[in-house]
């Protein structure tokens, strides 16, 4: 997969958090964003597999408000958020 240099990408060097990154749609979203030049932070219930295209991978339960505040609050500022998680 070819990563587009930030200067050539409409996303520039945007930092984007993707939830549900371990699943099919989330995994593909990470790959597409990364290819477009974004710096991707991949999040899912468990630590995200290293094969997912991302600069950072983290465990995040989006149904736990306190955990979301703690984890997301500890990140550098984000430029985008993609919600691809499923809730059962």
N, C-alpha and C. Protein backbone atom coordinates (compact mmCIF):
# COMPACT_ATOMS: atom_id res chain seq x y z
N UNK A 1 0.85 -1.17 0.00
CA UNK A 1 0.00 0.00 0.00
C UNK A 1 0.90 1.24 0.00
N UNK A 2 0.63 2.16 -0.88
CA UNK A 2 1.41 3.39 -1.00
C UNK A 2 0.78 4.47 -0.15
N UNK A 3 1.56 5.06 0.71
CA UNK A 3 1.07 6.18 1.51
C UNK A 3 1.33 7.48 0.77
N UNK A 4 0.30 8.29 0.65
CA UNK A 4 0.41 9.59 -0.03
C UNK A 4 1.16 10.55 0.89
N UNK A 5 2.17 11.24 0.38
CA UNK A 5 2.85 12.25 1.22
C UNK A 5 1.86 13.31 1.69
N UNK A 6 2.02 13.78 2.91
CA UNK A 6 1.09 14.75 3.50
C UNK A 6 0.86 15.96 2.61
N UNK A 7 1.90 16.43 1.94
CA UNK A 7 1.77 17.62 1.10
C UNK A 7 0.87 17.38 -0.11
N UNK A 8 0.70 16.12 -0.52
CA UNK A 8 -0.11 15.79 -1.69
C UNK A 8 -1.52 15.33 -1.33
N UNK A 9 -1.83 15.21 -0.07
CA UNK A 9 -3.09 14.64 0.37
C UNK A 9 -4.08 15.69 0.84
N UNK A 10 -5.37 15.52 0.51
CA UNK A 10 -6.37 16.43 1.05
C UNK A 10 -6.49 16.31 2.58
N UNK A 11 -6.05 15.17 3.10
CA UNK A 11 -6.07 14.99 4.56
C UNK A 11 -4.82 15.57 5.20
N UNK A 12 -3.85 15.93 4.39
CA UNK A 12 -2.62 16.48 4.94
C UNK A 12 -2.01 15.50 5.91
N UNK A 13 -1.78 15.95 7.10
CA UNK A 13 -1.21 15.12 8.15
C UNK A 13 -2.22 14.99 9.29
N UNK A 14 -3.50 14.91 8.93
CA UNK A 14 -4.58 14.88 9.92
C UNK A 14 -4.48 13.66 10.83
N UNK A 15 -4.78 13.88 12.11
CA UNK A 15 -4.86 12.78 13.08
C UNK A 15 -6.32 12.36 13.18
N UNK A 16 -6.58 11.08 12.87
CA UNK A 16 -7.95 10.57 12.84
C UNK A 16 -8.07 9.34 13.72
N UNK A 17 -9.04 9.36 14.63
CA UNK A 17 -9.34 8.22 15.48
C UNK A 17 -10.44 7.41 14.82
N UNK A 18 -10.21 6.09 14.68
CA UNK A 18 -11.19 5.18 14.09
C UNK A 18 -11.57 4.15 15.14
N UNK A 19 -12.86 4.14 15.54
CA UNK A 19 -13.33 3.10 16.46
C UNK A 19 -13.78 1.89 15.65
N UNK A 20 -13.81 0.73 16.29
CA UNK A 20 -14.18 -0.50 15.58
C UNK A 20 -13.13 -0.90 14.57
N UNK A 21 -11.89 -0.55 14.84
CA UNK A 21 -10.81 -0.73 13.87
C UNK A 21 -10.42 -2.18 13.63
N UNK A 22 -10.81 -3.09 14.51
CA UNK A 22 -10.44 -4.49 14.34
C UNK A 22 -11.37 -5.22 13.37
N UNK A 23 -12.57 -4.65 13.14
CA UNK A 23 -13.54 -5.29 12.26
C UNK A 23 -13.30 -4.95 10.80
N UNK A 24 -14.05 -5.58 9.92
CA UNK A 24 -13.87 -5.42 8.49
C UNK A 24 -13.95 -3.99 8.00
N UNK A 25 -15.06 -3.30 8.30
CA UNK A 25 -15.23 -1.92 7.82
C UNK A 25 -14.23 -0.99 8.50
N UNK A 26 -14.05 -1.14 9.81
CA UNK A 26 -13.09 -0.30 10.53
C UNK A 26 -11.67 -0.51 10.05
N UNK A 27 -11.30 -1.76 9.83
CA UNK A 27 -9.94 -2.08 9.34
C UNK A 27 -9.71 -1.45 7.97
N UNK A 28 -10.70 -1.57 7.09
CA UNK A 28 -10.57 -0.99 5.75
C UNK A 28 -10.55 0.54 5.80
N UNK A 29 -11.33 1.11 6.71
CA UNK A 29 -11.32 2.56 6.88
C UNK A 29 -9.93 3.04 7.30
N UNK A 30 -9.32 2.34 8.23
CA UNK A 30 -7.95 2.68 8.65
C UNK A 30 -7.00 2.64 7.45
N UNK A 31 -7.10 1.60 6.65
CA UNK A 31 -6.21 1.45 5.50
C UNK A 31 -6.41 2.59 4.50
N UNK A 32 -7.65 2.92 4.22
CA UNK A 32 -7.94 4.00 3.26
C UNK A 32 -7.45 5.36 3.78
N UNK A 33 -7.70 5.63 5.05
CA UNK A 33 -7.24 6.90 5.63
C UNK A 33 -5.72 6.98 5.63
N UNK A 34 -5.08 5.90 6.01
CA UNK A 34 -3.62 5.87 6.05
C UNK A 34 -3.04 6.09 4.66
N UNK A 35 -3.63 5.41 3.67
CA UNK A 35 -3.18 5.56 2.29
C UNK A 35 -3.36 7.00 1.80
N UNK A 36 -4.38 7.68 2.31
CA UNK A 36 -4.65 9.07 1.91
C UNK A 36 -3.79 10.07 2.67
N UNK A 37 -2.93 9.60 3.56
CA UNK A 37 -2.00 10.50 4.23
C UNK A 37 -2.32 10.81 5.68
N UNK A 38 -3.42 10.29 6.20
CA UNK A 38 -3.79 10.59 7.60
C UNK A 38 -2.92 9.79 8.57
N UNK A 39 -2.77 10.36 9.74
CA UNK A 39 -2.14 9.64 10.86
C UNK A 39 -3.29 9.00 11.63
N UNK A 40 -3.39 7.68 11.57
CA UNK A 40 -4.53 6.94 12.09
C UNK A 40 -4.26 6.41 13.49
N UNK A 41 -5.26 6.59 14.36
CA UNK A 41 -5.27 5.98 15.69
C UNK A 41 -6.40 4.96 15.65
N UNK A 42 -6.06 3.68 15.74
CA UNK A 42 -7.03 2.60 15.63
C UNK A 42 -7.45 2.15 17.02
N UNK A 43 -8.76 2.09 17.25
CA UNK A 43 -9.27 1.69 18.57
C UNK A 43 -10.32 0.60 18.42
N UNK A 44 -10.31 -0.33 19.37
CA UNK A 44 -11.33 -1.38 19.43
C UNK A 44 -11.37 -1.90 20.87
N UNK A 45 -12.30 -2.81 21.14
CA UNK A 45 -12.45 -3.34 22.50
C UNK A 45 -11.15 -3.91 23.05
N UNK A 46 -10.45 -4.66 22.23
CA UNK A 46 -9.16 -5.23 22.62
C UNK A 46 -8.08 -4.49 21.86
N UNK A 47 -6.84 -4.68 22.27
CA UNK A 47 -5.74 -4.04 21.57
C UNK A 47 -5.81 -4.46 20.10
N UNK A 48 -5.70 -3.50 19.21
CA UNK A 48 -5.85 -3.73 17.78
C UNK A 48 -4.64 -4.46 17.21
N UNK A 49 -4.90 -5.43 16.37
CA UNK A 49 -3.87 -6.23 15.70
C UNK A 49 -2.86 -5.34 14.98
N UNK A 50 -1.58 -5.65 15.08
CA UNK A 50 -0.56 -4.83 14.42
C UNK A 50 -0.68 -4.76 12.90
N UNK A 51 -1.45 -5.67 12.31
CA UNK A 51 -1.61 -5.63 10.85
C UNK A 51 -2.56 -4.51 10.39
N UNK A 52 -3.29 -3.90 11.33
CA UNK A 52 -4.16 -2.77 10.98
C UNK A 52 -3.29 -1.56 10.69
N UNK A 53 -3.58 -0.88 9.59
CA UNK A 53 -2.78 0.27 9.16
C UNK A 53 -3.02 1.46 10.08
N UNK A 54 -2.12 1.68 11.02
CA UNK A 54 -2.28 2.78 11.99
C UNK A 54 -0.94 3.11 12.63
N UNK A 55 -0.82 4.37 13.06
CA UNK A 55 0.36 4.79 13.81
C UNK A 55 0.23 4.41 15.28
N UNK A 56 -1.00 4.45 15.77
CA UNK A 56 -1.26 4.09 17.17
C UNK A 56 -2.41 3.11 17.21
N UNK A 57 -2.35 2.17 18.16
CA UNK A 57 -3.42 1.20 18.36
C UNK A 57 -3.75 1.17 19.84
N UNK A 58 -5.04 1.18 20.16
CA UNK A 58 -5.40 1.17 21.57
C UNK A 58 -6.71 0.44 21.82
N UNK A 59 -6.84 -0.02 23.06
CA UNK A 59 -8.08 -0.68 23.49
C UNK A 59 -9.02 0.40 24.02
N UNK A 60 -10.27 0.35 23.55
CA UNK A 60 -11.25 1.35 23.96
C UNK A 60 -12.65 0.75 23.90
N UNK A 61 -13.33 0.77 25.04
CA UNK A 61 -14.73 0.34 25.11
C UNK A 61 -15.59 1.59 25.01
N UNK A 62 -16.19 1.80 23.84
CA UNK A 62 -16.95 3.03 23.62
C UNK A 62 -18.24 3.09 24.43
N UNK A 63 -18.62 1.98 25.08
CA UNK A 63 -19.81 2.00 25.93
C UNK A 63 -19.48 2.44 27.36
N UNK A 64 -18.21 2.63 27.65
CA UNK A 64 -17.75 3.05 28.98
C UNK A 64 -17.35 4.52 28.92
N UNK A 65 -18.26 5.40 29.33
CA UNK A 65 -18.02 6.85 29.25
C UNK A 65 -16.73 7.28 29.94
N UNK A 66 -16.48 6.73 31.13
CA UNK A 66 -15.28 7.11 31.86
C UNK A 66 -14.01 6.73 31.10
N UNK A 67 -14.01 5.53 30.51
CA UNK A 67 -12.85 5.09 29.75
C UNK A 67 -12.66 5.96 28.51
N UNK A 68 -13.75 6.29 27.83
CA UNK A 68 -13.65 7.14 26.64
C UNK A 68 -13.04 8.49 27.02
N UNK A 69 -13.52 9.10 28.10
CA UNK A 69 -12.99 10.39 28.53
C UNK A 69 -11.51 10.28 28.88
N UNK A 70 -11.13 9.20 29.56
CA UNK A 70 -9.74 9.02 29.96
C UNK A 70 -8.83 8.80 28.75
N UNK A 71 -9.22 7.88 27.87
CA UNK A 71 -8.37 7.53 26.73
C UNK A 71 -8.32 8.67 25.71
N UNK A 72 -9.46 9.16 25.29
CA UNK A 72 -9.49 10.21 24.27
C UNK A 72 -8.93 11.51 24.83
N UNK A 73 -9.19 11.78 26.10
CA UNK A 73 -8.65 12.98 26.72
C UNK A 73 -7.14 12.97 26.82
N UNK A 74 -6.55 11.78 26.79
CA UNK A 74 -5.10 11.65 26.87
C UNK A 74 -4.40 11.71 25.53
N UNK A 75 -5.17 11.79 24.44
CA UNK A 75 -4.57 11.85 23.11
C UNK A 75 -4.22 13.29 22.74
N UNK A 76 -3.29 13.43 21.81
CA UNK A 76 -3.04 14.74 21.22
C UNK A 76 -4.31 15.13 20.47
N UNK A 77 -4.50 16.42 20.19
CA UNK A 77 -5.73 16.85 19.49
C UNK A 77 -5.96 16.07 18.20
N UNK A 78 -7.24 15.78 17.96
CA UNK A 78 -7.65 15.04 16.76
C UNK A 78 -8.20 15.99 15.71
N UNK A 79 -8.05 15.59 14.45
CA UNK A 79 -8.62 16.33 13.34
C UNK A 79 -9.88 15.66 12.81
N UNK A 80 -10.05 14.38 13.15
CA UNK A 80 -11.21 13.65 12.66
C UNK A 80 -11.53 12.46 13.54
N UNK A 81 -12.77 12.01 13.45
CA UNK A 81 -13.25 10.87 14.21
C UNK A 81 -14.16 10.05 13.31
N UNK A 82 -13.88 8.74 13.21
CA UNK A 82 -14.71 7.84 12.42
C UNK A 82 -15.25 6.78 13.36
N UNK A 83 -16.56 6.75 13.50
CA UNK A 83 -17.22 5.80 14.40
C UNK A 83 -17.68 4.59 13.59
N UNK A 84 -16.92 3.51 13.66
CA UNK A 84 -17.22 2.29 12.91
C UNK A 84 -17.51 1.12 13.84
N UNK A 85 -17.68 1.40 15.12
CA UNK A 85 -17.92 0.32 16.08
C UNK A 85 -19.37 -0.11 16.03
N UNK A 86 -19.58 -1.34 16.44
CA UNK A 86 -20.94 -1.84 16.61
C UNK A 86 -21.22 -1.96 18.09
N UNK A 87 -22.44 -1.77 18.49
CA UNK A 87 -22.82 -1.89 19.90
C UNK A 87 -23.92 -2.91 20.00
N UNK A 88 -23.72 -3.91 20.86
CA UNK A 88 -24.74 -4.94 21.03
C UNK A 88 -25.42 -4.81 22.37
